[in-house]
Each structure stands twice: as C-alpha cells, then as structure tokens.
C-alpha cells in the first residue's frame, strides 16, 4: 500500500506559519490605519491592565498571533498567559492578562481577539470531529475552504485541534477533479501526466463512481477521493480497494456532518475531509476587561 504522506508540506503540529507576522501586520493596518483616533484621546503616559476571559468552553489557539499583535502595537505591553496553546478552557476562565500603555492596549484589543476567537473556534471544531472518529483509525482532514489570507493560520489551528492538513494549496499536491479528467481525456491520462510533470508529489483523484475508483486504482494514483458516495458504495469501495494489488488511500468527502462522520469512518476509509471546520466556523466568545491605573 502507498505510504506517502498526504502532502509533502513539512509542518509540525505546533509550528507557527512563516507568514504569521505578515498576517498580523495586514490586520493591524486595516484596523488602525494611519492612527487610532479614539485611543489618541488618552494621555500617552497612562498605563493600564486588562484581563481576557472566554465565555464558553473552547480549545485555545492563537497565542502567537496575540503576542505578535501587541508586540507590533507597543513592545512595552506584556502578556502573561494562564493557559497553554491547545489546552481546553472552561467558561469564564482567565486566559491571559496584559499590562502596559493604555493606548496600545486599546488599539490592539480587536485585532488580537479577532485572531484568538477565530483560531480557537477552528481548533475546537476540528477537535469535535477528531473526537467523533476516535478509535476508528480514520483521520480528519481540513480543506482549502479557508478565510482568504488566513489559510496557514487556520491550517495551524486544525492541527492544534488534532486534525491533519490536506494540501496547503495548489502547489504541494495534485488533486485531479472532473474538469481535469475531461481535459486530459481519461483518469489514466491525467494521472500519467501528473506523474511525468510532478514526480514525487502526492497524486489524488476525485472519483464519483466505483468504476472511476477502479480506473484510479489501475492508474496507480496515491489517493482516491470518494465524492458524495453512499454508505453502501463506500463500503464496496473499501472492499474493492483492499482486494487490489496496489491499493490506494481512500478519502471520503461531501455530505459529511457530525451526525454521520463516525459511520463514514467505520466504513474503513483512511481520511475524511471536512470543509466546515474552516469555512463554517463560529468565533469563540471572548471578553477583554480593562483596569486603569
């Protein structure tokens, strides 16, 4: 059986993205612009403190973005964290405290919390799905259905939540879909072109029927994505694949919800990809409370 990693992107679970500083810079630029007019009403030498709590249970993710935000706003601001990245917080739990110039605390508040509430929500959503398939041997994957400009951040968050990254983009793995197959002429032709043009890169084929799965197996792709397969067809696909001389990895996709994800996992597929982890995310409810010196 093919044992190639799902993508060739080498990422550690806790490795922060290289473009994290750029993400924070862009977020601050769109929020503060040339200057924070309201914070400018406060004396420059006034100091303050702030406490950030979560209103709901969540896996906390995004500490590096918070730290980078306040470092850029005013390096004199100090953050003291009361929880580690990836730990589960309970409702009303204190996450971290801030101390420093009041102007900087106010200017950085929204950007810092935006990152923390989004990434914590993404990690929490991933963890819920991972928990649902626990013990099945199936792995949960994210997708490219991410918030524009924040893909690496959300992919980091899904890893913190225990899921695995699908390809990071169009550059690190090949996913042959219906339009690619039509343009190439057949699944075999498309896979052959991929092998010639991108040697060593993971090649996945999206299939919509058992016959297309057979073709993907015969073409010696690495992975087959079972798109919108029924439960019965998924079980048949797993059996067919196991009986092949060169079985593929199988990924289930489409129509996946929390209520059916475990049943899908129990069919024997290797992966389940879920776009909802990143695109249907609901921000975690956070609150920052200020104390003025």
C-alpha atoms as a PDB file:
ATOM      1  CA  UNK A   1       0.000   0.000   0.000  1.00  0.00           C
ATOM      2  CA  UNK A   2       1.116   3.540  -0.726  1.00  0.00           C
ATOM      3  CA  UNK A   3       2.575   5.085   2.423  1.00  0.00           C
ATOM      4  CA  UNK A   4       3.367   8.540   1.080  1.00  0.00           C
ATOM      5  CA  UNK A   5       2.445  11.394   3.439  1.00  0.00           C
ATOM      6  CA  UNK A   6      -0.786  13.108   2.495  1.00  0.00           C
ATOM      7  CA  UNK A   7       1.094  16.199   1.356  1.00  0.00           C
ATOM      8  CA  UNK A   8       4.759  16.993   1.011  1.00  0.00           C
ATOM      9  CA  UNK A   9       4.448  20.103   3.182  1.00  0.00           C
ATOM     10  CA  UNK A  10       6.644  19.505   6.203  1.00  0.00           C
ATOM     11  CA  UNK A  11       4.775  21.023   9.149  1.00  0.00           C
ATOM     12  CA  UNK A  12       4.998  20.323  12.839  1.00  0.00           C
ATOM     13  CA  UNK A  13       1.802  20.370  14.842  1.00  0.00           C
ATOM     14  CA  UNK A  14       2.985  23.376  16.852  1.00  0.00           C
ATOM     15  CA  UNK A  15       4.978  25.085  14.082  1.00  0.00           C
ATOM     16  CA  UNK A  16       3.624  28.591  13.528  1.00  0.00           C
ATOM     17  CA  UNK A  17       3.310  29.779   9.921  1.00  0.00           C
ATOM     18  CA  UNK A  18       6.147  31.748   8.372  1.00  0.00           C
ATOM     19  CA  UNK A  19       3.678  34.422   7.267  1.00  0.00           C
ATOM     20  CA  UNK A  20       2.286  34.998  10.784  1.00  0.00           C
ATOM     21  CA  UNK A  21       3.974  38.439  11.123  1.00  0.00           C
ATOM     22  CA  UNK A  22       2.569  39.476   7.744  1.00  0.00           C
ATOM     23  CA  UNK A  23      -0.926  38.370   8.758  1.00  0.00           C
ATOM     24  CA  UNK A  24      -0.764  40.480  11.888  1.00  0.00           C
ATOM     25  CA  UNK A  25       0.676  43.441  10.005  1.00  0.00           C
ATOM     26  CA  UNK A  26      -2.182  43.357   7.491  1.00  0.00           C
ATOM     27  CA  UNK A  27      -4.804  43.010  10.228  1.00  0.00           C
ATOM     28  CA  UNK A  28      -3.431  45.976  12.160  1.00  0.00           C
ATOM     29  CA  UNK A  29      -3.176  48.069   9.009  1.00  0.00           C
ATOM     30  CA  UNK A  30      -6.837  47.538   8.126  1.00  0.00           C
ATOM     31  CA  UNK A  31      -7.983  48.289  11.689  1.00  0.00           C
ATOM     32  CA  UNK A  32      -5.718  51.096  12.871  1.00  0.00           C
ATOM     33  CA  UNK A  33      -4.749  52.623   9.530  1.00  0.00           C
ATOM     34  CA  UNK A  34      -2.652  55.787   9.946  1.00  0.00           C
ATOM     35  CA  UNK A  35      -3.619  56.119  13.619  1.00  0.00           C
ATOM     36  CA  UNK A  36      -6.158  55.136  16.268  1.00  0.00           C
ATOM     37  CA  UNK A  37      -8.133  58.373  16.596  1.00  0.00           C
ATOM     38  CA  UNK A  38     -10.073  57.286  19.674  1.00  0.00           C
ATOM     39  CA  UNK A  39      -7.084  55.948  21.616  1.00  0.00           C
ATOM     40  CA  UNK A  40      -5.369  59.256  20.892  1.00  0.00           C
ATOM     41  CA  UNK A  41      -7.761  60.891  23.361  1.00  0.00           C
ATOM     42  CA  UNK A  42      -5.980  59.065  26.209  1.00  0.00           C
ATOM     43  CA  UNK A  43      -2.795  60.571  27.706  1.00  0.00           C
ATOM     44  CA  UNK A  44       0.280  58.951  26.203  1.00  0.00           C
ATOM     45  CA  UNK A  45       1.734  58.122  29.622  1.00  0.00           C
ATOM     46  CA  UNK A  46      -1.380  56.480  31.041  1.00  0.00           C
ATOM     47  CA  UNK A  47      -0.925  52.828  31.966  1.00  0.00           C
ATOM     48  CA  UNK A  48      -3.488  50.100  32.217  1.00  0.00           C
ATOM     49  CA  UNK A  49      -4.158  46.429  32.702  1.00  0.00           C
ATOM     50  CA  UNK A  50      -6.556  44.054  31.001  1.00  0.00           C
ATOM     51  CA  UNK A  51      -7.868  40.551  31.561  1.00  0.00           C
ATOM     52  CA  UNK A  52      -9.127  38.312  28.776  1.00  0.00           C
ATOM     53  CA  UNK A  53     -11.629  35.573  29.563  1.00  0.00           C
ATOM     54  CA  UNK A  54     -13.600  33.118  27.448  1.00  0.00           C
ATOM     55  CA  UNK A  55     -17.360  32.985  27.789  1.00  0.00           C
ATOM     56  CA  UNK A  56     -17.555  29.396  26.589  1.00  0.00           C
ATOM     57  CA  UNK A  57     -15.594  26.155  26.564  1.00  0.00           C
ATOM     58  CA  UNK A  58     -13.034  26.084  23.780  1.00  0.00           C
ATOM     59  CA  UNK A  59      -9.628  24.825  22.768  1.00  0.00           C
ATOM     60  CA  UNK A  60      -7.445  27.906  22.962  1.00  0.00           C
ATOM     61  CA  UNK A  61      -5.441  28.581  19.843  1.00  0.00           C
ATOM     62  CA  UNK A  62      -3.750  31.736  18.569  1.00  0.00           C
ATOM     63  CA  UNK A  63      -1.401  32.800  21.329  1.00  0.00           C
ATOM     64  CA  UNK A  64       1.437  33.626  18.901  1.00  0.00           C
ATOM     65  CA  UNK A  65      -0.883  35.957  16.952  1.00  0.00           C
ATOM     66  CA  UNK A  66      -1.932  37.763  20.132  1.00  0.00           C
ATOM     67  CA  UNK A  67       1.671  38.189  21.249  1.00  0.00           C
ATOM     68  CA  UNK A  68       2.716  39.458  17.824  1.00  0.00           C
ATOM     69  CA  UNK A  69      -0.179  41.901  17.722  1.00  0.00           C
ATOM     70  CA  UNK A  70       0.743  43.637  20.954  1.00  0.00           C
ATOM     71  CA  UNK A  71       4.453  43.487  20.181  1.00  0.00           C
ATOM     72  CA  UNK A  72       3.800  45.448  16.999  1.00  0.00           C
ATOM     73  CA  UNK A  73       1.379  47.897  18.610  1.00  0.00           C
ATOM     74  CA  UNK A  74       3.676  48.673  21.548  1.00  0.00           C
ATOM     75  CA  UNK A  75       6.577  46.422  22.624  1.00  0.00           C
ATOM     76  CA  UNK A  76       6.203  47.708  26.191  1.00  0.00           C
ATOM     77  CA  UNK A  77       2.975  45.737  26.592  1.00  0.00           C
ATOM     78  CA  UNK A  78       3.435  42.480  28.464  1.00  0.00           C
ATOM     79  CA  UNK A  79       1.155  39.460  28.225  1.00  0.00           C
ATOM     80  CA  UNK A  80       1.001  36.847  30.996  1.00  0.00           C
ATOM     81  CA  UNK A  81      -0.744  33.703  29.783  1.00  0.00           C
ATOM     82  CA  UNK A  82      -2.683  31.471  32.164  1.00  0.00           C
ATOM     83  CA  UNK A  83      -3.310  28.718  29.640  1.00  0.00           C
ATOM     84  CA  UNK A  84      -1.171  26.845  27.138  1.00  0.00           C
ATOM     85  CA  UNK A  85      -1.783  26.673  23.404  1.00  0.00           C
ATOM     86  CA  UNK A  86      -4.092  23.742  22.670  1.00  0.00           C
ATOM     87  CA  UNK A  87      -5.499  23.435  26.182  1.00  0.00           C
ATOM     88  CA  UNK A  88      -9.243  23.417  26.786  1.00  0.00           C
ATOM     89  CA  UNK A  89     -10.635  26.429  28.628  1.00  0.00           C
ATOM     90  CA  UNK A  90     -13.863  26.416  30.618  1.00  0.00           C
ATOM     91  CA  UNK A  91     -16.488  29.175  30.510  1.00  0.00           C
ATOM     92  CA  UNK A  92     -15.350  32.378  32.292  1.00  0.00           C
ATOM     93  CA  UNK A  93     -11.783  31.107  32.589  1.00  0.00           C
ATOM     94  CA  UNK A  94      -8.982  33.677  32.585  1.00  0.00           C
ATOM     95  CA  UNK A  95      -6.812  33.223  29.509  1.00  0.00           C
ATOM     96  CA  UNK A  96      -4.227  35.961  29.881  1.00  0.00           C
ATOM     97  CA  UNK A  97      -3.510  39.346  31.442  1.00  0.00           C
ATOM     98  CA  UNK A  98      -1.996  42.387  29.794  1.00  0.00           C
ATOM     99  CA  UNK A  99      -0.157  45.359  31.235  1.00  0.00           C
ATOM    100  CA  UNK A 100       1.313  48.417  29.568  1.00  0.00           C
ATOM    101  CA  UNK A 101       0.479  51.740  27.884  1.00  0.00           C
ATOM    102  CA  UNK A 102      -3.281  52.223  27.734  1.00  0.00           C
ATOM    103  CA  UNK A 103      -3.269  53.452  24.154  1.00  0.00           C
ATOM    104  CA  UNK A 104      -1.605  50.277  22.930  1.00  0.00           C
ATOM    105  CA  UNK A 105      -3.927  48.024  24.923  1.00  0.00           C
ATOM    106  CA  UNK A 106      -6.967  49.638  23.332  1.00  0.00           C
ATOM    107  CA  UNK A 107      -5.513  49.779  19.823  1.00  0.00           C
ATOM    108  CA  UNK A 108      -4.509  46.125  19.785  1.00  0.00           C
ATOM    109  CA  UNK A 109      -7.592  44.719  21.509  1.00  0.00           C
ATOM    110  CA  UNK A 110      -9.796  43.989  18.491  1.00  0.00           C
ATOM    111  CA  UNK A 111      -7.084  42.560  16.242  1.00  0.00           C
ATOM    112  CA  UNK A 112      -5.746  40.296  18.989  1.00  0.00           C
ATOM    113  CA  UNK A 113      -9.174  38.991  19.918  1.00  0.00           C
ATOM    114  CA  UNK A 114     -10.169  38.515  16.276  1.00  0.00           C
ATOM    115  CA  UNK A 115      -7.260  36.141  15.775  1.00  0.00           C
ATOM    116  CA  UNK A 116      -7.785  34.331  19.074  1.00  0.00           C
ATOM    117  CA  UNK A 117     -11.543  33.839  18.664  1.00  0.00           C
ATOM    118  CA  UNK A 118     -11.228  32.609  15.065  1.00  0.00           C
ATOM    119  CA  UNK A 119      -8.334  30.221  15.602  1.00  0.00           C
ATOM    120  CA  UNK A 120      -9.725  28.876  18.876  1.00  0.00           C
ATOM    121  CA  UNK A 121     -13.026  28.212  17.110  1.00  0.00           C
ATOM    122  CA  UNK A 122     -11.243  26.425  14.257  1.00  0.00           C
ATOM    123  CA  UNK A 123      -9.228  24.251  16.634  1.00  0.00           C
ATOM    124  CA  UNK A 124     -12.331  23.468  18.670  1.00  0.00           C
ATOM    125  CA  UNK A 125     -14.339  22.475  15.578  1.00  0.00           C
ATOM    126  CA  UNK A 126     -11.522  20.209  14.408  1.00  0.00           C
ATOM    127  CA  UNK A 127     -11.286  18.566  17.818  1.00  0.00           C
ATOM    128  CA  UNK A 128     -15.005  17.772  17.854  1.00  0.00           C
ATOM    129  CA  UNK A 129     -14.712  15.819  14.609  1.00  0.00           C
ATOM    130  CA  UNK A 130     -11.486  14.126  15.702  1.00  0.00           C
ATOM    131  CA  UNK A 131     -13.182  13.009  18.908  1.00  0.00           C
ATOM    132  CA  UNK A 132     -16.152  11.668  16.943  1.00  0.00           C
ATOM    133  CA  UNK A 133     -13.979   9.221  14.964  1.00  0.00           C
ATOM    134  CA  UNK A 134     -11.715   8.257  17.854  1.00  0.00           C
ATOM    135  CA  UNK A 135     -10.666   4.607  17.741  1.00  0.00           C
ATOM    136  CA  UNK A 136     -11.580   4.043  14.098  1.00  0.00           C
ATOM    137  CA  UNK A 137      -8.124   4.672  12.643  1.00  0.00           C
ATOM    138  CA  UNK A 138      -9.590   7.276  10.290  1.00  0.00           C
ATOM    139  CA  UNK A 139      -8.024  10.738  10.195  1.00  0.00           C
ATOM    140  CA  UNK A 140      -9.867  14.037   9.829  1.00  0.00           C
ATOM    141  CA  UNK A 141      -8.577  16.432   7.173  1.00  0.00           C
ATOM    142  CA  UNK A 142      -9.160  20.119   6.618  1.00  0.00           C
ATOM    143  CA  UNK A 143      -9.586  21.598   3.120  1.00  0.00           C
ATOM    144  CA  UNK A 144      -8.712  24.716   1.107  1.00  0.00           C
ATOM    145  CA  UNK A 145     -12.060  26.275   2.087  1.00  0.00           C
ATOM    146  CA  UNK A 146     -10.400  28.798   4.353  1.00  0.00           C
ATOM    147  CA  UNK A 147     -10.738  32.525   5.036  1.00  0.00           C
ATOM    148  CA  UNK A 148      -8.711  34.338   2.327  1.00  0.00           C
ATOM    149  CA  UNK A 149      -5.336  35.448   3.626  1.00  0.00           C
ATOM    150  CA  UNK A 150      -5.545  33.245   6.711  1.00  0.00           C
ATOM    151  CA  UNK A 151      -5.059  29.770   5.269  1.00  0.00           C
ATOM    152  CA  UNK A 152      -1.842  28.964   7.091  1.00  0.00           C
ATOM    153  CA  UNK A 153      -3.335  30.281  10.337  1.00  0.00           C
ATOM    154  CA  UNK A 154      -6.442  28.120  10.053  1.00  0.00           C
ATOM    155  CA  UNK A 155      -4.425  25.100   8.943  1.00  0.00           C
ATOM    156  CA  UNK A 156      -2.258  25.599  12.032  1.00  0.00           C
ATOM    157  CA  UNK A 157      -5.424  25.718  14.153  1.00  0.00           C
ATOM    158  CA  UNK A 158      -6.795  22.483  12.702  1.00  0.00           C
ATOM    159  CA  UNK A 159      -3.523  20.775  13.648  1.00  0.00           C
ATOM    160  CA  UNK A 160      -3.821  22.155  17.180  1.00  0.00           C
ATOM    161  CA  UNK A 161      -7.301  20.623  17.243  1.00  0.00           C
ATOM    162  CA  UNK A 162      -5.879  17.214  16.305  1.00  0.00           C
ATOM    163  CA  UNK A 163      -6.830  17.100  12.622  1.00  0.00           C
ATOM    164  CA  UNK A 164      -4.412  16.660   9.738  1.00  0.00           C
ATOM    165  CA  UNK A 165      -3.773  19.105   6.924  1.00  0.00           C
ATOM    166  CA  UNK A 166      -4.883  18.308   3.403  1.00  0.00           C
ATOM    167  CA  UNK A 167      -2.713  20.026   0.802  1.00  0.00           C
ATOM    168  CA  UNK A 168      -1.796  23.572   1.740  1.00  0.00           C
ATOM    169  CA  UNK A 169      -2.529  24.875  -1.742  1.00  0.00           C
ATOM    170  CA  UNK A 170      -2.353  24.051  -5.416  1.00  0.00           C
ATOM    171  CA  UNK A 171       1.432  23.830  -5.256  1.00  0.00           C
ATOM    172  CA  UNK A 172       2.225  20.967  -2.887  1.00  0.00           C
ATOM    173  CA  UNK A 173      -0.028  18.111  -4.054  1.00  0.00           C
ATOM    174  CA  UNK A 174      -2.137  17.180  -7.066  1.00  0.00           C
ATOM    175  CA  UNK A 175      -5.890  16.670  -6.870  1.00  0.00           C
ATOM    176  CA  UNK A 176      -7.357  15.607 -10.206  1.00  0.00           C
ATOM    177  CA  UNK A 177     -11.039  16.528 -10.477  1.00  0.00           C
ATOM    178  CA  UNK A 178     -13.736  16.093 -13.104  1.00  0.00           C
ATOM    179  CA  UNK A 179     -12.653  19.035 -15.264  1.00  0.00           C
ATOM    180  CA  UNK A 180      -9.020  17.893 -15.224  1.00  0.00           C
ATOM    181  CA  UNK A 181     -10.094  14.405 -16.282  1.00  0.00           C
ATOM    182  CA  UNK A 182     -12.230  15.755 -19.106  1.00  0.00           C
ATOM    183  CA  UNK A 183      -9.402  17.971 -20.350  1.00  0.00           C
ATOM    184  CA  UNK A 184      -6.854  15.123 -20.188  1.00  0.00           C
ATOM    185  CA  UNK A 185      -9.203  12.579 -21.778  1.00  0.00           C
ATOM    186  CA  UNK A 186      -9.295   9.981 -19.004  1.00  0.00           C
ATOM    187  CA  UNK A 187      -8.250   9.264 -15.444  1.00  0.00           C
ATOM    188  CA  UNK A 188      -5.302   7.226 -16.695  1.00  0.00           C
ATOM    189  CA  UNK A 189      -4.137  10.069 -18.944  1.00  0.00           C
ATOM    190  CA  UNK A 190      -4.481  12.637 -16.175  1.00  0.00           C
ATOM    191  CA  UNK A 191      -2.572  10.518 -13.641  1.00  0.00           C
ATOM    192  CA  UNK A 192       0.098   9.742 -16.221  1.00  0.00           C
ATOM    193  CA  UNK A 193       0.583  13.429 -16.980  1.00  0.00           C
ATOM    194  CA  UNK A 194       0.793  14.173 -13.252  1.00  0.00           C
ATOM    195  CA  UNK A 195       3.462  11.532 -12.724  1.00  0.00           C
ATOM    196  CA  UNK A 196       5.531  12.905 -15.610  1.00  0.00           C
ATOM    197  CA  UNK A 197       5.117  16.540 -14.681  1.00  0.00           C
ATOM    198  CA  UNK A 198       5.439  16.421 -10.883  1.00  0.00           C
ATOM    199  CA  UNK A 199       7.429  13.362  -9.887  1.00  0.00           C
ATOM    200  CA  UNK A 200       7.330  12.558  -6.188  1.00  0.00           C
ATOM    201  CA  UNK A 201       4.252  14.661  -5.453  1.00  0.00           C
ATOM    202  CA  UNK A 202       1.155  13.037  -3.956  1.00  0.00           C
ATOM    203  CA  UNK A 203      -1.482  12.397  -6.646  1.00  0.00           C
ATOM    204  CA  UNK A 204      -5.129  12.211  -5.680  1.00  0.00           C
ATOM    205  CA  UNK A 205      -8.092  11.565  -7.974  1.00  0.00           C
ATOM    206  CA  UNK A 206     -11.639  12.623  -7.167  1.00  0.00           C
ATOM    207  CA  UNK A 207     -13.988   9.785  -8.189  1.00  0.00           C
ATOM    208  CA  UNK A 208     -17.759   9.829  -8.410  1.00  0.00           C
ATOM    209  CA  UNK A 209     -18.417   6.131  -9.016  1.00  0.00           C
ATOM    210  CA  UNK A 210     -16.992   2.694  -8.327  1.00  0.00           C
ATOM    211  CA  UNK A 211     -15.915   2.439 -11.956  1.00  0.00           C
ATOM    212  CA  UNK A 212     -13.910   5.656 -11.648  1.00  0.00           C
ATOM    213  CA  UNK A 213     -12.326   4.252  -8.477  1.00  0.00           C
ATOM    214  CA  UNK A 214     -11.289   1.169 -10.446  1.00  0.00           C
ATOM    215  CA  UNK A 215      -9.671   3.432 -13.035  1.00  0.00           C
ATOM    216  CA  UNK A 216      -7.810   5.389 -10.346  1.00  0.00           C
ATOM    217  CA  UNK A 217      -6.507   2.137  -8.855  1.00  0.00           C
ATOM    218  CA  UNK A 218      -5.383   0.897 -12.259  1.00  0.00           C
ATOM    219  CA  UNK A 219      -3.687   4.243 -12.953  1.00  0.00           C
ATOM    220  CA  UNK A 220      -1.741   3.844  -9.675  1.00  0.00           C
ATOM    221  CA  UNK A 221      -2.729   7.131  -8.091  1.00  0.00           C
ATOM    222  CA  UNK A 222      -1.838   7.592  -4.435  1.00  0.00           C
ATOM    223  CA  UNK A 223      -5.238   8.597  -3.083  1.00  0.00           C
ATOM    224  CA  UNK A 224      -8.839   8.431  -4.284  1.00  0.00           C
ATOM    225  CA  UNK A 225     -11.390  10.919  -3.030  1.00  0.00           C
ATOM    226  CA  UNK A 226     -14.824   9.286  -2.811  1.00  0.00           C
ATOM    227  CA  UNK A 227     -17.067  12.208  -3.654  1.00  0.00           C
ATOM    228  CA  UNK A 228     -20.633  12.010  -2.303  1.00  0.00           C
ATOM    229  CA  UNK A 229     -20.566   8.187  -2.099  1.00  0.00           C
ATOM    230  CA  UNK A 230     -23.413   6.471  -0.265  1.00  0.00           C
ATOM    231  CA  UNK A 231     -22.517   4.404   2.785  1.00  0.00           C
ATOM    232  CA  UNK A 232     -23.042   1.185   0.842  1.00  0.00           C
ATOM    233  CA  UNK A 233     -20.857   2.368  -2.030  1.00  0.00           C
ATOM    234  CA  UNK A 234     -18.177   3.475   0.423  1.00  0.00           C
ATOM    235  CA  UNK A 235     -18.089   0.014   1.965  1.00  0.00           C
ATOM    236  CA  UNK A 236     -17.902  -1.533  -1.502  1.00  0.00           C
ATOM    237  CA  UNK A 237     -15.121   0.889  -2.425  1.00  0.00           C
ATOM    238  CA  UNK A 238     -13.104  -0.075   0.657  1.00  0.00           C
ATOM    239  CA  UNK A 239     -13.502  -3.783  -0.143  1.00  0.00           C
ATOM    240  CA  UNK A 240     -12.582  -3.239  -3.795  1.00  0.00           C
ATOM    241  CA  UNK A 241      -9.527  -1.253  -2.817  1.00  0.00           C
ATOM    242  CA  UNK A 242      -8.355  -3.866  -0.305  1.00  0.00           C
ATOM    243  CA  UNK A 243      -8.573  -6.521  -2.979  1.00  0.00           C
ATOM    244  CA  UNK A 244      -6.411  -4.569  -5.419  1.00  0.00           C
ATOM    245  CA  UNK A 245      -2.756  -5.417  -5.959  1.00  0.00           C
ATOM    246  CA  UNK A 246      -1.842  -1.770  -5.439  1.00  0.00           C
ATOM    247  CA  UNK A 247      -4.459  -0.346  -3.050  1.00  0.00           C
ATOM    248  CA  UNK A 248      -4.760   3.406  -2.595  1.00  0.00           C
ATOM    249  CA  UNK A 249      -5.519   5.566   0.383  1.00  0.00           C
ATOM    250  CA  UNK A 250      -9.214   6.447   0.409  1.00  0.00           C
ATOM    251  CA  UNK A 251     -10.660   9.824   1.377  1.00  0.00           C
ATOM    252  CA  UNK A 252     -14.372  10.417   1.913  1.00  0.00           C
ATOM    253  CA  UNK A 253     -15.690  13.857   1.024  1.00  0.00           C
ATOM    254  CA  UNK A 254     -19.029  15.588   0.628  1.00  0.00           C
ATOM    255  CA  UNK A 255     -22.103  15.452   2.820  1.00  0.00           C
ATOM    256  CA  UNK A 256     -20.058  14.969   5.990  1.00  0.00           C
ATOM    257  CA  UNK A 257     -21.677  16.146   9.212  1.00  0.00           C
ATOM    258  CA  UNK A 258     -21.049  15.456  12.851  1.00  0.00           C
ATOM    259  CA  UNK A 259     -24.073  13.146  12.938  1.00  0.00           C
ATOM    260  CA  UNK A 260     -22.677  10.816  10.262  1.00  0.00           C
ATOM    261  CA  UNK A 261     -18.902  11.237  10.463  1.00  0.00           C
ATOM    262  CA  UNK A 262     -18.336   8.201  12.680  1.00  0.00           C
ATOM    263  CA  UNK A 263     -20.450   5.976  10.450  1.00  0.00           C
ATOM    264  CA  UNK A 264     -18.353   7.134   7.496  1.00  0.00           C
ATOM    265  CA  UNK A 265     -15.142   6.418   9.400  1.00  0.00           C
ATOM    266  CA  UNK A 266     -16.341   2.906  10.236  1.00  0.00           C
ATOM    267  CA  UNK A 267     -16.596   2.027   6.526  1.00  0.00           C
ATOM    268  CA  UNK A 268     -12.811   1.748   6.577  1.00  0.00           C
ATOM    269  CA  UNK A 269     -11.778   4.880   4.673  1.00  0.00           C
ATOM    270  CA  UNK A 270      -8.423   6.360   5.625  1.00  0.00           C
ATOM    271  CA  UNK A 271      -9.410  10.022   5.660  1.00  0.00           C
ATOM    272  CA  UNK A 272     -12.480  12.232   5.871  1.00  0.00           C
ATOM    273  CA  UNK A 273     -12.126  15.809   4.616  1.00  0.00           C
ATOM    274  CA  UNK A 274     -14.429  18.423   6.107  1.00  0.00           C
ATOM    275  CA  UNK A 275     -14.640  21.963   4.761  1.00  0.00           C
ATOM    276  CA  UNK A 276     -16.932  23.062   7.592  1.00  0.00           C
ATOM    277  CA  UNK A 277     -14.025  23.021  10.048  1.00  0.00           C
ATOM    278  CA  UNK A 278     -12.669  26.203   8.495  1.00  0.00           C
ATOM    279  CA  UNK A 279     -15.497  27.749   6.471  1.00  0.00           C
ATOM    280  CA  UNK A 280     -18.453  27.364   8.870  1.00  0.00           C
ATOM    281  CA  UNK A 281     -16.506  28.335  11.947  1.00  0.00           C
ATOM    282  CA  UNK A 282     -18.280  30.406  14.635  1.00  0.00           C
ATOM    283  CA  UNK A 283     -15.980  32.646  16.634  1.00  0.00           C
ATOM    284  CA  UNK A 284     -15.434  31.792  20.286  1.00  0.00           C
ATOM    285  CA  UNK A 285     -16.960  34.376  22.633  1.00  0.00           C
ATOM    286  CA  UNK A 286     -14.138  36.254  24.357  1.00  0.00           C
ATOM    287  CA  UNK A 287     -14.129  39.329  26.571  1.00  0.00           C
ATOM    288  CA  UNK A 288     -11.386  41.803  27.493  1.00  0.00           C
ATOM    289  CA  UNK A 289     -11.879  43.706  30.736  1.00  0.00           C
ATOM    290  CA  UNK A 290      -9.787  46.808  31.449  1.00  0.00           C
ATOM    291  CA  UNK A 291      -8.409  48.270  34.666  1.00  0.00           C
ATOM    292  CA  UNK A 292      -6.915  51.747  34.619  1.00  0.00           C
ATOM    293  CA  UNK A 293      -4.049  52.926  36.776  1.00  0.00           C
END
